[in-house]
């Protein structure tokens, strides 16, 4: 049996990757891979009727990939501010035209862009500026991005199914700009001749990426900075420790005297890969009390356009957007108000991380680190 494969990853990504090549079943440690079902995640419908018609969507309502009328779908996970995602538009516009011009592929192969952490206004500008020929819909809350276990963008996922009522299955992925349009067109066209069983019944090659990059500071240095931040919010710090949690989230706790009473404080260290493949990863920590009230926000390594670190004024601005809020609050990212200038992607990642804070509070309650 013949298994079609493509080059998964470009060699000059400007961020640190831990890459292993192996033959095995799918692993949650890396991005989605060959043979896995494409996640059943609902996406907002394209705004234009022509775009919905192209995808075969009969209603103007949220949809999943399985509702697209096609046998093969290329899903391009992107961010509109990512330079490589912008460069990818021209090759994929050409690919779109090649597919639509060929009677064998027109209607059978569809392209869909999914913009991570971008709102409708940003997507509209992106589509107009780069004359994007295929539909692009938002993934503002990283829902599909997380389900794909994706890291940086651009990240292309190729999916196949045998029959219209079937679930799409991933055949391969590609990380980074893909300019080999002719090769890709042949690959997608050849998929039309392949049964899904070719990708679900055999061992397959995976790439496992380091999904949680390490901060530039050592754990000892970070612990000391957390202690200093704790001490600014109380007196007589005791019982400082890194917690062992089932989720493996990087959390410290200590008890301090605050408002005349001994109370616990907590800090979570956030380490996230950048959305864009030419940006630095995101590292910070935040302090919160047992009620989930955020008391402090401290950058460990945060950058903006050109990979320039945030200055003090930018840190103060961002802190004003998050300190004083509760982890249980809705964390809807509003770029015009919440983002540091030229650091929209980094700001969005932090908001997404804080949006997972309620799950952390729930875990701390279950593990008895917070009393009822």
Protein backbone atom coordinates (compact mmCIF):
# COMPACT_ATOMS: atom_id res chain seq x y z
CA UNK A 1 0.00 0.00 0.00
CA UNK A 2 1.20 3.48 -0.84
CA UNK A 3 1.21 6.19 1.82
CA UNK A 4 1.49 9.73 0.57
CA UNK A 5 3.61 12.06 2.69
CA UNK A 6 4.90 15.60 2.43
CA UNK A 7 7.66 17.52 4.17
CA UNK A 8 6.26 18.36 7.60
CA UNK A 9 8.50 21.13 8.83
CA UNK A 10 10.83 23.72 7.37
CA UNK A 11 14.37 23.70 8.76
CA UNK A 12 14.85 27.41 9.50
CA UNK A 13 12.08 28.16 12.00
CA UNK A 14 13.15 31.09 14.17
CA UNK A 15 12.24 29.54 17.49
CA UNK A 16 13.49 26.64 19.58
CA UNK A 17 11.98 23.27 18.69
CA UNK A 18 12.51 19.89 20.18
CA UNK A 19 11.86 17.52 17.28
CA UNK A 20 11.73 13.76 17.31
CA UNK A 21 10.90 11.58 14.32
CA UNK A 22 9.40 8.23 15.18
CA UNK A 23 6.99 5.56 14.06
CA UNK A 24 4.11 5.19 16.52
CA UNK A 25 0.47 5.88 17.22
CA UNK A 26 -0.73 9.49 17.73
CA UNK A 27 0.56 11.24 20.83
CA UNK A 28 -0.95 14.17 22.69
CA UNK A 29 2.60 15.51 23.12
CA UNK A 30 2.74 16.88 19.59
CA UNK A 31 0.44 18.34 16.94
CA UNK A 32 -2.28 16.28 15.32
CA UNK A 33 -0.88 13.71 12.92
CA UNK A 34 -1.69 11.26 10.16
CA UNK A 35 -4.56 8.89 10.91
CA UNK A 36 -6.25 11.00 13.59
CA UNK A 37 -9.79 12.26 13.18
CA UNK A 38 -10.07 15.99 12.60
CA UNK A 39 -11.55 17.54 15.79
CA UNK A 40 -15.30 18.23 15.93
CA UNK A 41 -14.91 21.94 16.71
CA UNK A 42 -17.52 24.51 15.73
CA UNK A 43 -16.25 27.53 13.80
CA UNK A 44 -18.06 30.78 12.94
CA UNK A 45 -19.55 30.77 9.43
CA UNK A 46 -17.92 32.86 6.69
CA UNK A 47 -19.65 36.23 6.41
CA UNK A 48 -20.19 36.11 2.63
CA UNK A 49 -22.84 33.93 1.00
CA UNK A 50 -20.44 33.05 -1.83
CA UNK A 51 -17.93 31.71 0.70
CA UNK A 52 -20.58 29.63 2.44
CA UNK A 53 -21.70 28.28 -0.93
CA UNK A 54 -18.11 27.39 -1.79
CA UNK A 55 -17.85 25.32 1.41
CA UNK A 56 -21.29 23.80 0.85
CA UNK A 57 -22.78 25.26 4.03
CA UNK A 58 -26.53 25.52 3.75
CA UNK A 59 -27.05 27.73 6.82
CA UNK A 60 -25.44 30.85 8.25
CA UNK A 61 -24.51 29.25 11.55
CA UNK A 62 -21.44 27.71 13.25
CA UNK A 63 -20.10 24.68 11.45
CA UNK A 64 -17.56 21.89 11.82
CA UNK A 65 -15.20 20.60 9.16
CA UNK A 66 -17.45 17.59 8.56
CA UNK A 67 -20.17 19.89 7.20
CA UNK A 68 -17.96 21.07 4.35
CA UNK A 69 -18.95 19.59 1.01
CA UNK A 70 -15.70 18.03 -0.18
CA UNK A 71 -13.65 14.85 -0.08
CA UNK A 72 -10.37 16.63 0.74
CA UNK A 73 -9.91 19.81 2.77
CA UNK A 74 -6.78 21.83 3.39
CA UNK A 75 -7.14 23.75 6.66
CA UNK A 76 -4.65 26.59 6.98
CA UNK A 77 -4.19 27.62 10.63
CA UNK A 78 -2.85 31.17 10.58
CA UNK A 79 -2.62 34.51 12.33
CA UNK A 80 -3.19 37.59 10.21
CA UNK A 81 -0.25 39.44 11.81
CA UNK A 82 2.22 36.60 11.21
CA UNK A 83 4.62 37.56 8.37
CA UNK A 84 4.89 33.99 7.12
CA UNK A 85 1.10 33.63 7.12
CA UNK A 86 0.94 36.76 4.99
CA UNK A 87 3.52 35.28 2.60
CA UNK A 88 1.52 32.05 2.42
CA UNK A 89 -1.51 33.79 0.88
CA UNK A 90 -0.03 34.11 -2.63
CA UNK A 91 0.90 30.40 -3.03
CA UNK A 92 -2.44 29.29 -1.60
CA UNK A 93 -4.34 31.72 -3.83
CA UNK A 94 -2.56 30.08 -6.76
CA UNK A 95 -3.43 26.63 -5.38
CA UNK A 96 -7.08 27.67 -5.04
CA UNK A 97 -7.17 28.73 -8.70
CA UNK A 98 -5.52 25.48 -9.82
CA UNK A 99 -8.09 23.42 -7.92
CA UNK A 100 -11.03 25.40 -9.27
CA UNK A 101 -9.72 25.20 -12.86
CA UNK A 102 -9.40 21.40 -12.86
CA UNK A 103 -12.70 19.47 -13.37
CA UNK A 104 -11.31 16.54 -11.36
CA UNK A 105 -10.60 18.65 -8.27
CA UNK A 106 -13.20 21.45 -8.42
CA UNK A 107 -15.80 20.79 -5.74
CA UNK A 108 -13.81 17.85 -4.36
CA UNK A 109 -10.94 19.77 -2.72
CA UNK A 110 -11.62 22.86 -0.60
CA UNK A 111 -9.41 25.36 1.23
CA UNK A 112 -10.29 26.93 4.58
CA UNK A 113 -8.28 29.47 6.57
CA UNK A 114 -8.68 29.56 10.36
CA UNK A 115 -7.26 32.69 11.99
CA UNK A 116 -6.12 32.11 15.58
CA UNK A 117 -6.70 34.96 18.08
CA UNK A 118 -7.97 37.32 15.35
CA UNK A 119 -11.31 39.14 15.25
CA UNK A 120 -13.54 39.78 12.24
CA UNK A 121 -12.14 43.25 11.59
CA UNK A 122 -8.54 42.03 11.47
CA UNK A 123 -9.52 39.14 9.20
CA UNK A 124 -11.41 41.47 6.84
CA UNK A 125 -8.32 43.67 6.50
CA UNK A 126 -6.13 40.62 5.89
CA UNK A 127 -8.44 39.25 3.20
CA UNK A 128 -8.60 42.60 1.39
CA UNK A 129 -4.89 43.45 1.61
CA UNK A 130 -3.72 40.03 0.43
CA UNK A 131 -6.68 39.30 -1.90
CA UNK A 132 -7.31 35.99 -0.16
CA UNK A 133 -9.36 33.81 -2.50
CA UNK A 134 -10.57 31.22 0.02
CA UNK A 135 -12.73 31.65 3.15
CA UNK A 136 -11.03 32.65 6.41
CA UNK A 137 -12.89 32.31 9.72
CA UNK A 138 -11.76 33.22 13.26
CA UNK A 139 -10.63 30.99 16.11
CA UNK A 140 -10.57 33.80 18.68
CA UNK A 141 -10.37 31.59 21.75
CA UNK A 142 -7.79 29.10 20.42
CA UNK A 143 -10.44 26.33 20.47
CA UNK A 144 -9.44 24.62 17.22
CA UNK A 145 -5.78 25.53 17.70
CA UNK A 146 -5.83 23.73 21.06
CA UNK A 147 -7.78 20.75 19.69
CA UNK A 148 -5.16 20.35 16.94
CA UNK A 149 -2.41 20.60 19.58
CA UNK A 150 -0.92 23.16 17.23
CA UNK A 151 1.95 25.50 17.95
CA UNK A 152 3.23 28.26 15.67
CA UNK A 153 1.59 29.27 12.41
CA UNK A 154 1.31 28.86 9.48
CA UNK A 155 0.27 25.27 10.09
CA UNK A 156 -1.48 23.34 7.31
CA UNK A 157 -3.60 20.25 7.94
CA UNK A 158 -4.74 18.00 5.08
CA UNK A 159 -7.87 15.94 5.73
CA UNK A 160 -9.64 13.21 3.76
CA UNK A 161 -12.85 11.21 3.99
CA UNK A 162 -14.40 8.43 1.92
CA UNK A 163 -18.05 9.49 2.00
CA UNK A 164 -19.94 12.76 2.67
CA UNK A 165 -21.32 11.46 5.97
CA UNK A 166 -17.89 10.39 7.28
CA UNK A 167 -15.58 12.22 9.65
CA UNK A 168 -12.49 13.79 8.08
CA UNK A 169 -9.20 12.07 8.90
CA UNK A 170 -5.84 13.84 8.87
CA UNK A 171 -3.47 12.59 6.17
CA UNK A 172 -0.52 14.88 6.89
CA UNK A 173 0.51 18.34 8.11
CA UNK A 174 2.98 21.06 7.17
CA UNK A 175 4.53 23.66 9.45
CA UNK A 176 5.78 26.90 7.89
CA UNK A 177 5.43 28.58 4.51
CA UNK A 178 4.74 26.15 1.65
CA UNK A 179 5.67 27.53 -1.76
CA UNK A 180 5.70 24.15 -3.54
CA UNK A 181 2.27 24.70 -5.05
CA UNK A 182 2.59 22.24 -7.93
CA UNK A 183 3.77 19.48 -5.60
CA UNK A 184 0.98 20.23 -3.15
CA UNK A 185 -1.65 20.23 -5.90
CA UNK A 186 -0.48 16.79 -7.08
CA UNK A 187 -0.53 15.52 -3.49
CA UNK A 188 -4.10 16.76 -2.86
CA UNK A 189 -5.26 15.39 -6.21
CA UNK A 190 -3.71 12.01 -5.47
CA UNK A 191 -5.55 11.94 -2.14
CA UNK A 192 -8.82 11.78 -4.09
CA UNK A 193 -7.76 8.30 -5.23
CA UNK A 194 -6.88 7.09 -1.73
CA UNK A 195 -9.13 5.39 0.85
CA UNK A 196 -9.00 6.68 4.41
CA UNK A 197 -7.91 3.23 5.56
CA UNK A 198 -4.47 3.90 4.05
CA UNK A 199 -3.93 6.46 6.82
CA UNK A 200 -5.69 4.80 9.75
CA UNK A 201 -4.42 1.23 9.51
CA UNK A 202 -0.64 1.66 9.33
CA UNK A 203 2.09 3.03 11.62
CA UNK A 204 2.85 6.60 10.71
CA UNK A 205 5.58 9.16 11.03
CA UNK A 206 5.10 11.88 13.63
CA UNK A 207 6.79 15.09 14.57
CA UNK A 208 6.61 15.92 18.25
CA UNK A 209 7.18 19.55 19.11
CA UNK A 210 8.09 20.97 22.46
CA UNK A 211 4.69 22.53 23.18
CA UNK A 212 5.78 24.27 26.39
CA UNK A 213 9.08 26.06 25.75
CA UNK A 214 11.39 26.78 28.64
CA UNK A 215 11.73 30.35 29.97
CA UNK A 216 15.13 32.05 29.74
CA UNK A 217 15.50 32.04 33.54
CA UNK A 218 16.29 28.99 35.63
CA UNK A 219 13.67 27.54 37.96
CA UNK A 220 15.66 28.85 40.93
CA UNK A 221 15.65 32.39 39.50
CA UNK A 222 11.92 32.24 38.79
CA UNK A 223 11.16 30.95 42.29
CA UNK A 224 13.08 33.88 43.77
CA UNK A 225 11.13 36.38 41.66
CA UNK A 226 7.86 34.77 42.71
CA UNK A 227 8.91 35.03 46.36
CA UNK A 228 9.64 38.74 45.88
CA UNK A 229 6.24 39.28 44.29
CA UNK A 230 4.52 37.34 47.09
CA UNK A 231 6.30 39.46 49.71
CA UNK A 232 4.95 42.66 48.14
CA UNK A 233 1.41 41.49 48.98
CA UNK A 234 1.81 40.44 52.62
CA UNK A 235 4.17 39.78 55.50
CA UNK A 236 5.81 36.77 57.14
CA UNK A 237 6.02 34.51 54.09
CA UNK A 238 5.93 30.82 55.02
CA UNK A 239 5.57 27.42 53.34
CA UNK A 240 6.82 28.53 49.91
CA UNK A 241 6.73 25.57 47.52
CA UNK A 242 6.10 24.43 43.99
CA UNK A 243 2.92 22.40 43.93
CA UNK A 244 2.62 18.94 42.40
CA UNK A 245 -0.63 19.03 40.45
CA UNK A 246 -2.22 16.33 38.26
CA UNK A 247 -2.24 18.81 35.36
CA UNK A 248 1.51 19.52 35.74
CA UNK A 249 0.79 23.25 35.67
CA UNK A 250 3.71 25.25 37.06
CA UNK A 251 2.26 26.72 40.26
CA UNK A 252 3.81 28.04 43.49
CA UNK A 253 2.08 28.66 46.79
CA UNK A 254 2.93 30.32 50.09
CA UNK A 255 1.10 31.69 53.11
CA UNK A 256 1.37 35.31 54.20
CA UNK A 257 -0.29 37.62 56.69
CA UNK A 258 -2.68 39.84 54.76
CA UNK A 259 -5.29 42.12 56.30
CA UNK A 260 -4.36 40.77 59.72
CA UNK A 261 -4.93 37.12 58.76
CA UNK A 262 -2.71 34.36 57.43
CA UNK A 263 -3.83 33.57 53.90
CA UNK A 264 -2.53 31.55 50.96
CA UNK A 265 -1.25 33.12 47.76
CA UNK A 266 -0.56 31.38 44.47
CA UNK A 267 1.47 32.05 41.34
CA UNK A 268 1.26 30.32 37.98
CA UNK A 269 4.16 30.46 35.54
CA UNK A 270 2.94 30.65 31.95
CA UNK A 271 5.11 29.29 29.13
CA UNK A 272 3.57 29.28 25.66
CA UNK A 273 4.85 28.93 22.13
CA UNK A 274 4.32 31.94 19.93
CA UNK A 275 1.47 31.82 17.42
CA UNK A 276 3.80 33.09 14.70
CA UNK A 277 6.78 30.99 13.66
CA UNK A 278 9.17 33.97 13.66
CA UNK A 279 8.24 35.25 17.12
CA UNK A 280 9.70 34.44 20.51
CA UNK A 281 7.80 32.27 22.94
CA UNK A 282 5.81 33.84 25.78
CA UNK A 283 6.89 33.64 29.46
CA UNK A 284 5.35 35.33 32.50
CA UNK A 285 3.79 34.66 35.88
CA UNK A 286 0.85 36.10 37.75
CA UNK A 287 -0.08 36.17 41.43
CA UNK A 288 -3.59 35.43 42.65
CA UNK A 289 -5.38 34.84 45.94
CA UNK A 290 -7.65 31.98 47.01
CA UNK A 291 -10.63 33.73 45.40
CA UNK A 292 -8.88 33.91 42.03
CA UNK A 293 -8.27 37.67 42.24
CA UNK A 294 -5.17 38.60 40.23
CA UNK A 295 -2.81 40.69 42.36
CA UNK A 296 0.26 41.00 40.14
CA UNK A 297 1.53 40.31 36.62
CA UNK A 298 5.26 39.85 36.04
CA UNK A 299 6.91 39.33 32.61
CA UNK A 300 9.73 36.83 32.31
CA UNK A 301 10.22 37.25 28.56
CA UNK A 302 7.63 39.12 26.49
CA UNK A 303 8.36 40.61 23.09
CA UNK A 304 6.69 42.74 20.42
CA UNK A 305 7.33 43.29 16.70
CA UNK A 306 10.98 42.65 15.84
CA UNK A 307 11.28 40.47 18.95
CA UNK A 308 11.94 43.59 21.06
CA UNK A 309 11.19 43.13 24.75
CA UNK A 310 8.36 45.06 26.37
CA UNK A 311 9.39 48.24 28.15
CA UNK A 312 8.18 49.30 31.60
CA UNK A 313 5.36 51.46 30.25
CA UNK A 314 4.05 48.58 28.15
CA UNK A 315 4.17 46.22 31.13
CA UNK A 316 2.25 48.78 33.22
CA UNK A 317 -0.37 49.15 30.49
CA UNK A 318 -0.90 45.43 30.19
CA UNK A 319 -0.92 44.94 33.96
CA UNK A 320 -3.70 47.52 34.20
CA UNK A 321 -5.79 45.31 31.91
CA UNK A 322 -5.42 42.15 34.03
CA UNK A 323 -4.59 43.01 37.65
CA UNK A 324 -7.73 43.33 39.75
CA UNK A 325 -9.71 40.91 37.60
CA UNK A 326 -10.75 37.42 38.65
CA UNK A 327 -9.73 34.22 36.93
CA UNK A 328 -13.41 33.29 36.77
CA UNK A 329 -14.16 36.40 34.68
CA UNK A 330 -14.72 36.06 30.92
CA UNK A 331 -11.39 36.71 29.23
CA UNK A 332 -12.53 38.11 25.90
CA UNK A 333 -9.48 39.64 24.24
CA UNK A 334 -10.11 43.07 22.72
CA UNK A 335 -7.03 44.09 20.71
CA UNK A 336 -7.82 47.82 20.68
CA UNK A 337 -7.86 47.99 24.47
CA UNK A 338 -5.98 44.99 25.81
CA UNK A 339 -3.00 44.62 23.48
CA UNK A 340 0.41 46.17 23.89
CA UNK A 341 1.20 48.06 20.68
CA UNK A 342 2.97 45.78 18.18
CA UNK A 343 2.48 42.85 20.58
CA UNK A 344 -1.07 41.82 19.71
CA UNK A 345 -0.26 38.12 19.32
CA UNK A 346 1.68 37.96 22.60
CA UNK A 347 -1.11 39.80 24.41
CA UNK A 348 -3.72 37.42 22.98
CA UNK A 349 -1.73 34.38 24.14
CA UNK A 350 -1.56 35.75 27.70
CA UNK A 351 -5.30 36.40 27.74
CA UNK A 352 -5.89 32.86 26.54
CA UNK A 353 -3.67 31.53 29.32
CA UNK A 354 -5.51 33.56 31.96
CA UNK A 355 -8.75 32.27 30.48
CA UNK A 356 -7.71 28.79 31.67
CA UNK A 357 -7.47 30.11 35.24
CA UNK A 358 -10.85 28.85 36.38
CA UNK A 359 -9.76 25.30 35.61
CA UNK A 360 -6.69 25.90 37.77
CA UNK A 361 -8.82 27.19 40.66
CA UNK A 362 -11.03 24.12 40.38
CA UNK A 363 -7.95 21.88 40.50
CA UNK A 364 -6.56 23.68 43.56
CA UNK A 365 -9.90 23.11 45.30
CA UNK A 366 -9.94 19.42 44.36
CA UNK A 367 -6.37 18.95 45.58
CA UNK A 368 -7.21 20.70 48.89
CA UNK A 369 -4.78 23.58 48.35
CA UNK A 370 -7.71 25.96 48.73
CA UNK A 371 -10.18 25.39 51.53
CA UNK A 372 -13.93 25.62 50.78
